[in-house]
Amino acid sequence: MADRIRVCGMDTNVVLPENWMPVEGVAILKCLDAQGDPRLLLVATQTLSQWEAVGMLTAALDEIRDSMQKTFVPPDQVDEDG
């Protein structure tokens, strides 16, 4: 079985397709600060340009948005059982 990708020491559900090798990366982490307040932290590999990071994040946002739109059910069409 393939190894799962780790991001900043955290386990993920990501398994790369066979023969793929990670080259660069960008991630948004939800963290708790010293006071226990949630904060967002942007992390990226050192050689990733800001332009590439913006492109990668935009592509990911588009995929998430498309997925949400495909599964959206208007409130007036939800039956009482959920």
C-alpha atoms as a PDB file:
ATOM      1  CA  MET A   1       0.000   0.000   0.000  1.00  0.00           C
ATOM      2  CA  ALA A   2       1.242   3.502  -0.826  1.00  0.00           C
ATOM      3  CA  ASP A   3       2.316   5.872   1.911  1.00  0.00           C
ATOM      4  CA  ARG A   4       0.054   8.765   2.770  1.00  0.00           C
ATOM      5  CA  ILE A   5       1.376  12.304   2.368  1.00  0.00           C
ATOM      6  CA  ARG A   6       2.290  14.143   5.578  1.00  0.00           C
ATOM      7  CA  VAL A   7       1.964  17.945   5.759  1.00  0.00           C
ATOM      8  CA  CYS A   8       3.909  19.751   8.464  1.00  0.00           C
ATOM      9  CA  GLY A   9       4.132  16.497  10.398  1.00  0.00           C
ATOM     10  CA  MET A  10       0.371  15.880  10.219  1.00  0.00           C
ATOM     11  CA  ASP A  11      -1.214  12.819   8.609  1.00  0.00           C
ATOM     12  CA  THR A  12      -3.533  13.413   5.638  1.00  0.00           C
ATOM     13  CA  ASN A  13      -5.870  11.250   3.551  1.00  0.00           C
ATOM     14  CA  VAL A  14      -3.747  11.934   0.462  1.00  0.00           C
ATOM     15  CA  VAL A  15      -2.208   8.997  -1.393  1.00  0.00           C
ATOM     16  CA  LEU A  16      -0.381   9.921  -4.576  1.00  0.00           C
ATOM     17  CA  PRO A  17      -1.186   8.037  -7.765  1.00  0.00           C
ATOM     18  CA  GLU A  18       1.361   5.390  -8.714  1.00  0.00           C
ATOM     19  CA  ASN A  19       4.671   6.789 -10.029  1.00  0.00           C
ATOM     20  CA  TRP A  20       3.889  10.353  -8.925  1.00  0.00           C
ATOM     21  CA  MET A  21       6.480  12.276  -6.908  1.00  0.00           C
ATOM     22  CA  PRO A  22       5.746  15.510  -5.015  1.00  0.00           C
ATOM     23  CA  VAL A  23       7.844  18.435  -6.264  1.00  0.00           C
ATOM     24  CA  GLU A  24       6.394  21.581  -4.677  1.00  0.00           C
ATOM     25  CA  GLY A  25       3.602  22.280  -2.258  1.00  0.00           C
ATOM     26  CA  VAL A  26       1.427  24.869  -0.597  1.00  0.00           C
ATOM     27  CA  ALA A  27      -0.983  24.280   2.272  1.00  0.00           C
ATOM     28  CA  ILE A  28      -3.312  26.256   4.494  1.00  0.00           C
ATOM     29  CA  LEU A  29      -3.324  25.021   8.073  1.00  0.00           C
ATOM     30  CA  LYS A  30      -5.930  25.786  10.700  1.00  0.00           C
ATOM     31  CA  CYS A  31      -4.040  26.194  13.974  1.00  0.00           C
ATOM     32  CA  LEU A  32      -4.735  27.305  17.517  1.00  0.00           C
ATOM     33  CA  ASP A  33      -2.551  30.141  18.778  1.00  0.00           C
ATOM     34  CA  ALA A  34      -1.163  30.456  22.309  1.00  0.00           C
ATOM     35  CA  GLN A  35      -4.526  31.828  23.532  1.00  0.00           C
ATOM     36  CA  GLY A  36      -6.461  28.965  21.931  1.00  0.00           C
ATOM     37  CA  ASP A  37      -7.868  31.131  19.134  1.00  0.00           C
ATOM     38  CA  PRO A  38      -8.095  29.575  15.647  1.00  0.00           C
ATOM     39  CA  ARG A  39      -5.727  31.037  13.058  1.00  0.00           C
ATOM     40  CA  LEU A  40      -4.862  30.229   9.456  1.00  0.00           C
ATOM     41  CA  LEU A  41      -1.251  29.634   8.493  1.00  0.00           C
ATOM     42  CA  LEU A  42      -0.021  29.499   4.898  1.00  0.00           C
ATOM     43  CA  VAL A  43       2.982  27.229   4.347  1.00  0.00           C
ATOM     44  CA  ALA A  44       4.823  26.482   1.109  1.00  0.00           C
ATOM     45  CA  THR A  45       7.968  24.789  -0.073  1.00  0.00           C
ATOM     46  CA  GLN A  46      10.931  27.136  -0.260  1.00  0.00           C
ATOM     47  CA  THR A  47      11.321  27.178  -4.035  1.00  0.00           C
ATOM     48  CA  LEU A  48       7.641  27.657  -4.867  1.00  0.00           C
ATOM     49  CA  SER A  49       7.075  31.123  -6.340  1.00  0.00           C
ATOM     50  CA  GLN A  50       4.217  33.265  -5.107  1.00  0.00           C
ATOM     51  CA  TRP A  51       2.679  33.093  -8.605  1.00  0.00           C
ATOM     52  CA  GLU A  52       2.721  29.285  -8.520  1.00  0.00           C
ATOM     53  CA  ALA A  53       1.242  29.274  -5.006  1.00  0.00           C
ATOM     54  CA  VAL A  54      -1.597  31.562  -6.103  1.00  0.00           C
ATOM     55  CA  GLY A  55      -2.269  29.352  -9.132  1.00  0.00           C
ATOM     56  CA  MET A  56      -2.291  26.164  -7.036  1.00  0.00           C
ATOM     57  CA  LEU A  57      -4.592  27.679  -4.402  1.00  0.00           C
ATOM     58  CA  THR A  58      -6.927  29.068  -7.070  1.00  0.00           C
ATOM     59  CA  ALA A  59      -7.148  25.680  -8.803  1.00  0.00           C
ATOM     60  CA  ALA A  60      -7.910  24.002  -5.457  1.00  0.00           C
ATOM     61  CA  LEU A  61     -10.566  26.616  -4.631  1.00  0.00           C
ATOM     62  CA  ASP A  62     -12.212  26.088  -8.027  1.00  0.00           C
ATOM     63  CA  GLU A  63     -12.339  22.303  -7.453  1.00  0.00           C
ATOM     64  CA  ILE A  64     -13.832  22.704  -3.976  1.00  0.00           C
ATOM     65  CA  ARG A  65     -16.396  25.235  -5.219  1.00  0.00           C
ATOM     66  CA  ASP A  66     -17.410  22.976  -8.134  1.00  0.00           C
ATOM     67  CA  SER A  67     -17.797  20.008  -5.779  1.00  0.00           C
ATOM     68  CA  MET A  68     -19.955  22.041  -3.385  1.00  0.00           C
ATOM     69  CA  GLN A  69     -22.160  23.324  -6.210  1.00  0.00           C
ATOM     70  CA  LYS A  70     -22.724  19.783  -7.509  1.00  0.00           C
ATOM     71  CA  THR A  71     -23.852  18.526  -4.107  1.00  0.00           C
ATOM     72  CA  PHE A  72     -25.856  21.603  -3.032  1.00  0.00           C
ATOM     73  CA  VAL A  73     -29.506  20.985  -2.222  1.00  0.00           C
ATOM     74  CA  PRO A  74     -31.629  24.115  -1.694  1.00  0.00           C
ATOM     75  CA  PRO A  75     -33.192  24.202   1.797  1.00  0.00           C
ATOM     76  CA  ASP A  76     -36.728  24.071   0.375  1.00  0.00           C
ATOM     77  CA  GLN A  77     -35.893  20.768  -1.361  1.00  0.00           C
ATOM     78  CA  VAL A  78     -34.535  18.949   1.717  1.00  0.00           C
ATOM     79  CA  ASP A  79     -36.974  16.411   3.118  1.00  0.00           C
ATOM     80  CA  GLU A  80     -37.701  16.305   6.851  1.00  0.00           C
ATOM     81  CA  ASP A  81     -35.519  13.218   7.343  1.00  0.00           C
ATOM     82  CA  GLY A  82     -32.421  15.099   6.102  1.00  0.00           C
END
